[in-house]
Amino acid sequence: MVTRVLSLVLILALVAPAFAQGTPSDNKIYDTVREKLANDELVKGAGLDVTVKNGVVTLKGTVSDEKAREKAEKITKKVKGVTSVVNELKIFGS
């Protein structure tokens, strides 16, 4: 009985990291989102505040217009590991 329990624990210890590798960490998601937003000519996201918790990305700051606001959300949703986006971006001057 003890041997079976130890075997099961060993198997779980070896298999669990393999499943975890498929999902990027919040830090990796953060880096990727920041890079993609900063490199987009419409969004120009270098000044945006990005936070990530368990794959949920929150965007804050100001953008030039509604088109940039929507594009920032669309870009963010395409990043691997993002489960949802909370878009709190404001339009400059409104």
N, C-alpha and C. Protein backbone atom coordinates (compact mmCIF):
# COMPACT_ATOMS: atom_id res chain seq x y z
N MET A 1 0.83 -1.19 0.00
CA MET A 1 0.00 0.00 0.00
C MET A 1 0.88 1.26 0.00
N VAL A 2 1.89 1.29 0.83
CA VAL A 2 2.78 2.43 0.89
C VAL A 2 3.51 2.61 -0.44
N THR A 3 3.88 1.51 -1.06
CA THR A 3 4.57 1.55 -2.34
C THR A 3 3.67 2.18 -3.41
N ARG A 4 2.39 1.85 -3.39
CA ARG A 4 1.45 2.42 -4.36
C ARG A 4 1.31 3.92 -4.16
N VAL A 5 1.21 4.34 -2.92
CA VAL A 5 1.07 5.77 -2.62
C VAL A 5 2.33 6.52 -3.07
N LEU A 6 3.49 5.97 -2.76
CA LEU A 6 4.74 6.60 -3.17
C LEU A 6 4.87 6.65 -4.69
N SER A 7 4.44 5.59 -5.35
CA SER A 7 4.48 5.55 -6.81
C SER A 7 3.56 6.62 -7.40
N LEU A 8 2.38 6.75 -6.83
CA LEU A 8 1.44 7.76 -7.31
C LEU A 8 2.00 9.16 -7.10
N VAL A 9 2.57 9.42 -5.96
CA VAL A 9 3.17 10.73 -5.68
C VAL A 9 4.30 11.02 -6.67
N LEU A 10 5.12 10.04 -6.92
CA LEU A 10 6.23 10.21 -7.86
C LEU A 10 5.72 10.51 -9.27
N ILE A 11 4.72 9.80 -9.69
CA ILE A 11 4.14 10.02 -11.02
C ILE A 11 3.56 11.43 -11.12
N LEU A 12 2.83 11.85 -10.12
CA LEU A 12 2.25 13.19 -10.12
C LEU A 12 3.34 14.26 -10.14
N ALA A 13 4.41 14.02 -9.40
CA ALA A 13 5.50 14.99 -9.35
C ALA A 13 6.18 15.12 -10.71
N LEU A 14 6.22 14.05 -11.46
CA LEU A 14 6.85 14.09 -12.77
C LEU A 14 5.93 14.63 -13.86
N VAL A 15 4.65 14.39 -13.74
CA VAL A 15 3.69 14.78 -14.77
C VAL A 15 3.21 16.22 -14.60
N ALA A 16 3.03 16.69 -13.40
CA ALA A 16 2.48 18.02 -13.16
C ALA A 16 3.27 19.14 -13.84
N PRO A 17 4.59 19.16 -13.77
CA PRO A 17 5.32 20.24 -14.46
C PRO A 17 5.13 20.24 -15.97
N ALA A 18 4.90 19.10 -16.55
CA ALA A 18 4.68 19.03 -17.99
C ALA A 18 3.41 19.78 -18.39
N PHE A 19 2.38 19.67 -17.57
CA PHE A 19 1.14 20.39 -17.84
C PHE A 19 1.33 21.88 -17.60
N ALA A 20 2.08 22.26 -16.59
CA ALA A 20 2.29 23.66 -16.26
C ALA A 20 3.08 24.39 -17.35
N GLN A 21 3.90 23.69 -18.10
CA GLN A 21 4.72 24.33 -19.13
C GLN A 21 3.89 24.90 -20.26
N GLY A 22 2.68 24.43 -20.44
CA GLY A 22 1.85 24.91 -21.53
C GLY A 22 1.27 26.30 -21.31
N THR A 23 1.28 26.80 -20.09
CA THR A 23 0.72 28.09 -19.77
C THR A 23 1.83 29.05 -19.34
N PRO A 24 1.97 30.16 -20.06
CA PRO A 24 3.01 31.12 -19.67
C PRO A 24 2.73 31.74 -18.30
N SER A 25 3.78 32.12 -17.61
CA SER A 25 3.62 32.78 -16.31
C SER A 25 3.07 34.19 -16.52
N ASP A 26 2.55 34.76 -15.44
CA ASP A 26 2.05 36.13 -15.50
C ASP A 26 3.16 37.09 -15.93
N ASN A 27 4.39 36.84 -15.48
CA ASN A 27 5.51 37.71 -15.87
C ASN A 27 5.75 37.66 -17.37
N LYS A 28 5.70 36.48 -17.94
CA LYS A 28 5.90 36.32 -19.38
C LYS A 28 4.76 37.00 -20.15
N ILE A 29 3.54 36.82 -19.67
CA ILE A 29 2.39 37.47 -20.30
C ILE A 29 2.57 38.99 -20.25
N TYR A 30 2.96 39.50 -19.10
CA TYR A 30 3.18 40.94 -18.92
C TYR A 30 4.19 41.46 -19.94
N ASP A 31 5.34 40.78 -20.02
CA ASP A 31 6.39 41.21 -20.94
C ASP A 31 5.91 41.21 -22.39
N THR A 32 5.19 40.17 -22.77
CA THR A 32 4.72 40.05 -24.15
C THR A 32 3.68 41.12 -24.48
N VAL A 33 2.74 41.33 -23.57
CA VAL A 33 1.70 42.35 -23.79
C VAL A 33 2.35 43.73 -23.91
N ARG A 34 3.26 44.05 -22.99
CA ARG A 34 3.93 45.36 -23.03
C ARG A 34 4.66 45.57 -24.36
N GLU A 35 5.37 44.55 -24.79
CA GLU A 35 6.12 44.64 -26.03
C GLU A 35 5.20 44.86 -27.23
N LYS A 36 4.13 44.08 -27.31
CA LYS A 36 3.22 44.19 -28.45
C LYS A 36 2.49 45.53 -28.47
N LEU A 37 2.07 46.02 -27.30
CA LEU A 37 1.39 47.31 -27.25
C LEU A 37 2.35 48.45 -27.60
N ALA A 38 3.57 48.39 -27.09
CA ALA A 38 4.56 49.44 -27.36
C ALA A 38 4.95 49.49 -28.84
N ASN A 39 4.94 48.35 -29.51
CA ASN A 39 5.34 48.28 -30.91
C ASN A 39 4.22 48.59 -31.89
N ASP A 40 2.99 48.74 -31.40
CA ASP A 40 1.88 49.02 -32.30
C ASP A 40 1.79 50.52 -32.56
N GLU A 41 1.77 50.91 -33.85
CA GLU A 41 1.76 52.32 -34.21
C GLU A 41 0.49 53.06 -33.78
N LEU A 42 -0.63 52.37 -33.77
CA LEU A 42 -1.89 53.02 -33.38
C LEU A 42 -1.98 53.15 -31.87
N VAL A 43 -1.63 52.11 -31.15
CA VAL A 43 -1.78 52.10 -29.70
C VAL A 43 -0.68 52.90 -29.02
N LYS A 44 0.54 52.74 -29.49
CA LYS A 44 1.70 53.42 -28.88
C LYS A 44 1.68 53.21 -27.36
N GLY A 45 1.68 51.95 -26.98
CA GLY A 45 1.39 51.57 -25.60
C GLY A 45 2.49 51.67 -24.58
N ALA A 46 3.57 52.38 -24.85
CA ALA A 46 4.66 52.45 -23.88
C ALA A 46 4.22 53.06 -22.56
N GLY A 47 3.26 53.97 -22.60
CA GLY A 47 2.83 54.64 -21.38
C GLY A 47 1.64 54.00 -20.69
N LEU A 48 1.19 52.86 -21.16
CA LEU A 48 0.03 52.20 -20.56
C LEU A 48 0.44 51.37 -19.36
N ASP A 49 -0.46 51.26 -18.41
CA ASP A 49 -0.23 50.44 -17.22
C ASP A 49 -0.86 49.07 -17.47
N VAL A 50 -0.04 48.04 -17.35
CA VAL A 50 -0.49 46.67 -17.58
C VAL A 50 -0.26 45.87 -16.30
N THR A 51 -1.31 45.19 -15.84
CA THR A 51 -1.15 44.27 -14.71
C THR A 51 -1.72 42.92 -15.13
N VAL A 52 -1.13 41.86 -14.58
CA VAL A 52 -1.56 40.50 -14.91
C VAL A 52 -1.67 39.70 -13.62
N LYS A 53 -2.79 39.03 -13.47
CA LYS A 53 -2.98 38.13 -12.33
C LYS A 53 -3.74 36.90 -12.81
N ASN A 54 -3.06 35.76 -12.75
CA ASN A 54 -3.65 34.49 -13.18
C ASN A 54 -4.18 34.54 -14.61
N GLY A 55 -3.44 35.21 -15.47
CA GLY A 55 -3.82 35.29 -16.88
C GLY A 55 -4.81 36.38 -17.22
N VAL A 56 -5.34 37.07 -16.22
CA VAL A 56 -6.27 38.17 -16.45
C VAL A 56 -5.46 39.47 -16.55
N VAL A 57 -5.54 40.12 -17.70
CA VAL A 57 -4.77 41.33 -17.94
C VAL A 57 -5.67 42.55 -17.78
N THR A 58 -5.19 43.53 -17.00
CA THR A 58 -5.89 44.80 -16.85
C THR A 58 -5.08 45.89 -17.52
N LEU A 59 -5.74 46.64 -18.39
CA LEU A 59 -5.11 47.75 -19.10
C LEU A 59 -5.64 49.06 -18.54
N LYS A 60 -4.73 49.98 -18.18
CA LYS A 60 -5.10 51.30 -17.68
C LYS A 60 -4.24 52.35 -18.36
N GLY A 61 -4.76 53.56 -18.41
CA GLY A 61 -4.04 54.66 -19.02
C GLY A 61 -4.93 55.36 -20.03
N THR A 62 -4.31 56.17 -20.89
CA THR A 62 -5.07 56.89 -21.89
C THR A 62 -4.54 56.60 -23.29
N VAL A 63 -5.45 56.57 -24.23
CA VAL A 63 -5.12 56.38 -25.64
C VAL A 63 -5.77 57.50 -26.45
N SER A 64 -5.38 57.61 -27.70
CA SER A 64 -5.82 58.74 -28.52
C SER A 64 -7.30 58.70 -28.91
N ASP A 65 -7.83 57.49 -29.16
CA ASP A 65 -9.22 57.39 -29.60
C ASP A 65 -9.77 55.98 -29.34
N GLU A 66 -11.04 55.80 -29.67
CA GLU A 66 -11.71 54.52 -29.44
C GLU A 66 -11.07 53.39 -30.25
N LYS A 67 -10.61 53.72 -31.43
CA LYS A 67 -9.96 52.71 -32.28
C LYS A 67 -8.72 52.15 -31.59
N ALA A 68 -7.92 53.02 -30.99
CA ALA A 68 -6.70 52.59 -30.28
C ALA A 68 -7.08 51.78 -29.04
N ARG A 69 -8.15 52.18 -28.36
CA ARG A 69 -8.62 51.46 -27.18
C ARG A 69 -9.01 50.02 -27.55
N GLU A 70 -9.77 49.88 -28.62
CA GLU A 70 -10.21 48.56 -29.07
C GLU A 70 -9.04 47.70 -29.56
N LYS A 71 -8.09 48.34 -30.26
CA LYS A 71 -6.95 47.60 -30.77
C LYS A 71 -6.07 47.10 -29.65
N ALA A 72 -5.90 47.90 -28.59
CA ALA A 72 -5.09 47.48 -27.44
C ALA A 72 -5.69 46.22 -26.82
N GLU A 73 -7.00 46.18 -26.70
CA GLU A 73 -7.66 45.00 -26.15
C GLU A 73 -7.50 43.80 -27.08
N LYS A 74 -7.65 44.01 -28.36
CA LYS A 74 -7.52 42.93 -29.35
C LYS A 74 -6.12 42.35 -29.34
N ILE A 75 -5.11 43.20 -29.31
CA ILE A 75 -3.71 42.76 -29.26
C ILE A 75 -3.48 41.92 -28.01
N THR A 76 -3.98 42.41 -26.89
CA THR A 76 -3.78 41.74 -25.61
C THR A 76 -4.44 40.37 -25.59
N LYS A 77 -5.64 40.27 -26.12
CA LYS A 77 -6.36 38.99 -26.14
C LYS A 77 -5.63 37.91 -26.93
N LYS A 78 -4.82 38.32 -27.91
CA LYS A 78 -4.12 37.36 -28.77
C LYS A 78 -2.86 36.78 -28.11
N VAL A 79 -2.43 37.35 -26.99
CA VAL A 79 -1.21 36.87 -26.33
C VAL A 79 -1.48 35.53 -25.65
N LYS A 80 -0.59 34.59 -25.88
CA LYS A 80 -0.73 33.25 -25.29
C LYS A 80 -0.75 33.34 -23.77
N GLY A 81 -1.75 32.68 -23.17
CA GLY A 81 -1.87 32.65 -21.72
C GLY A 81 -2.87 33.63 -21.16
N VAL A 82 -3.29 34.61 -21.97
CA VAL A 82 -4.28 35.59 -21.51
C VAL A 82 -5.65 34.92 -21.49
N THR A 83 -6.29 34.96 -20.32
CA THR A 83 -7.60 34.34 -20.20
C THR A 83 -8.73 35.36 -20.38
N SER A 84 -8.47 36.61 -20.00
CA SER A 84 -9.43 37.68 -20.23
C SER A 84 -8.73 39.02 -20.09
N VAL A 85 -9.40 40.07 -20.60
CA VAL A 85 -8.84 41.42 -20.55
C VAL A 85 -9.85 42.35 -19.90
N VAL A 86 -9.38 43.11 -18.92
CA VAL A 86 -10.18 44.17 -18.31
C VAL A 86 -9.66 45.47 -18.89
N ASN A 87 -10.44 46.06 -19.77
CA ASN A 87 -10.01 47.26 -20.49
C ASN A 87 -10.53 48.50 -19.78
N GLU A 88 -9.64 49.15 -19.03
CA GLU A 88 -9.98 50.38 -18.32
C GLU A 88 -9.31 51.58 -18.97
N LEU A 89 -8.96 51.45 -20.24
CA LEU A 89 -8.32 52.55 -20.95
C LEU A 89 -9.30 53.69 -21.17
N LYS A 90 -8.81 54.90 -21.00
CA LYS A 90 -9.61 56.11 -21.22
C LYS A 90 -9.12 56.76 -22.52
N ILE A 91 -10.04 57.49 -23.13
CA ILE A 91 -9.69 58.22 -24.34
C ILE A 91 -9.23 59.62 -23.95
N PHE A 92 -8.07 60.01 -24.46
CA PHE A 92 -7.48 61.30 -24.12
C PHE A 92 -8.48 62.44 -24.37
N GLY A 93 -8.67 63.28 -23.36
CA GLY A 93 -9.54 64.42 -23.48
C GLY A 93 -10.99 64.17 -23.13
N SER A 94 -11.33 62.93 -22.78
CA SER A 94 -12.75 62.69 -22.44
C SER A 94 -12.92 62.45 -20.97
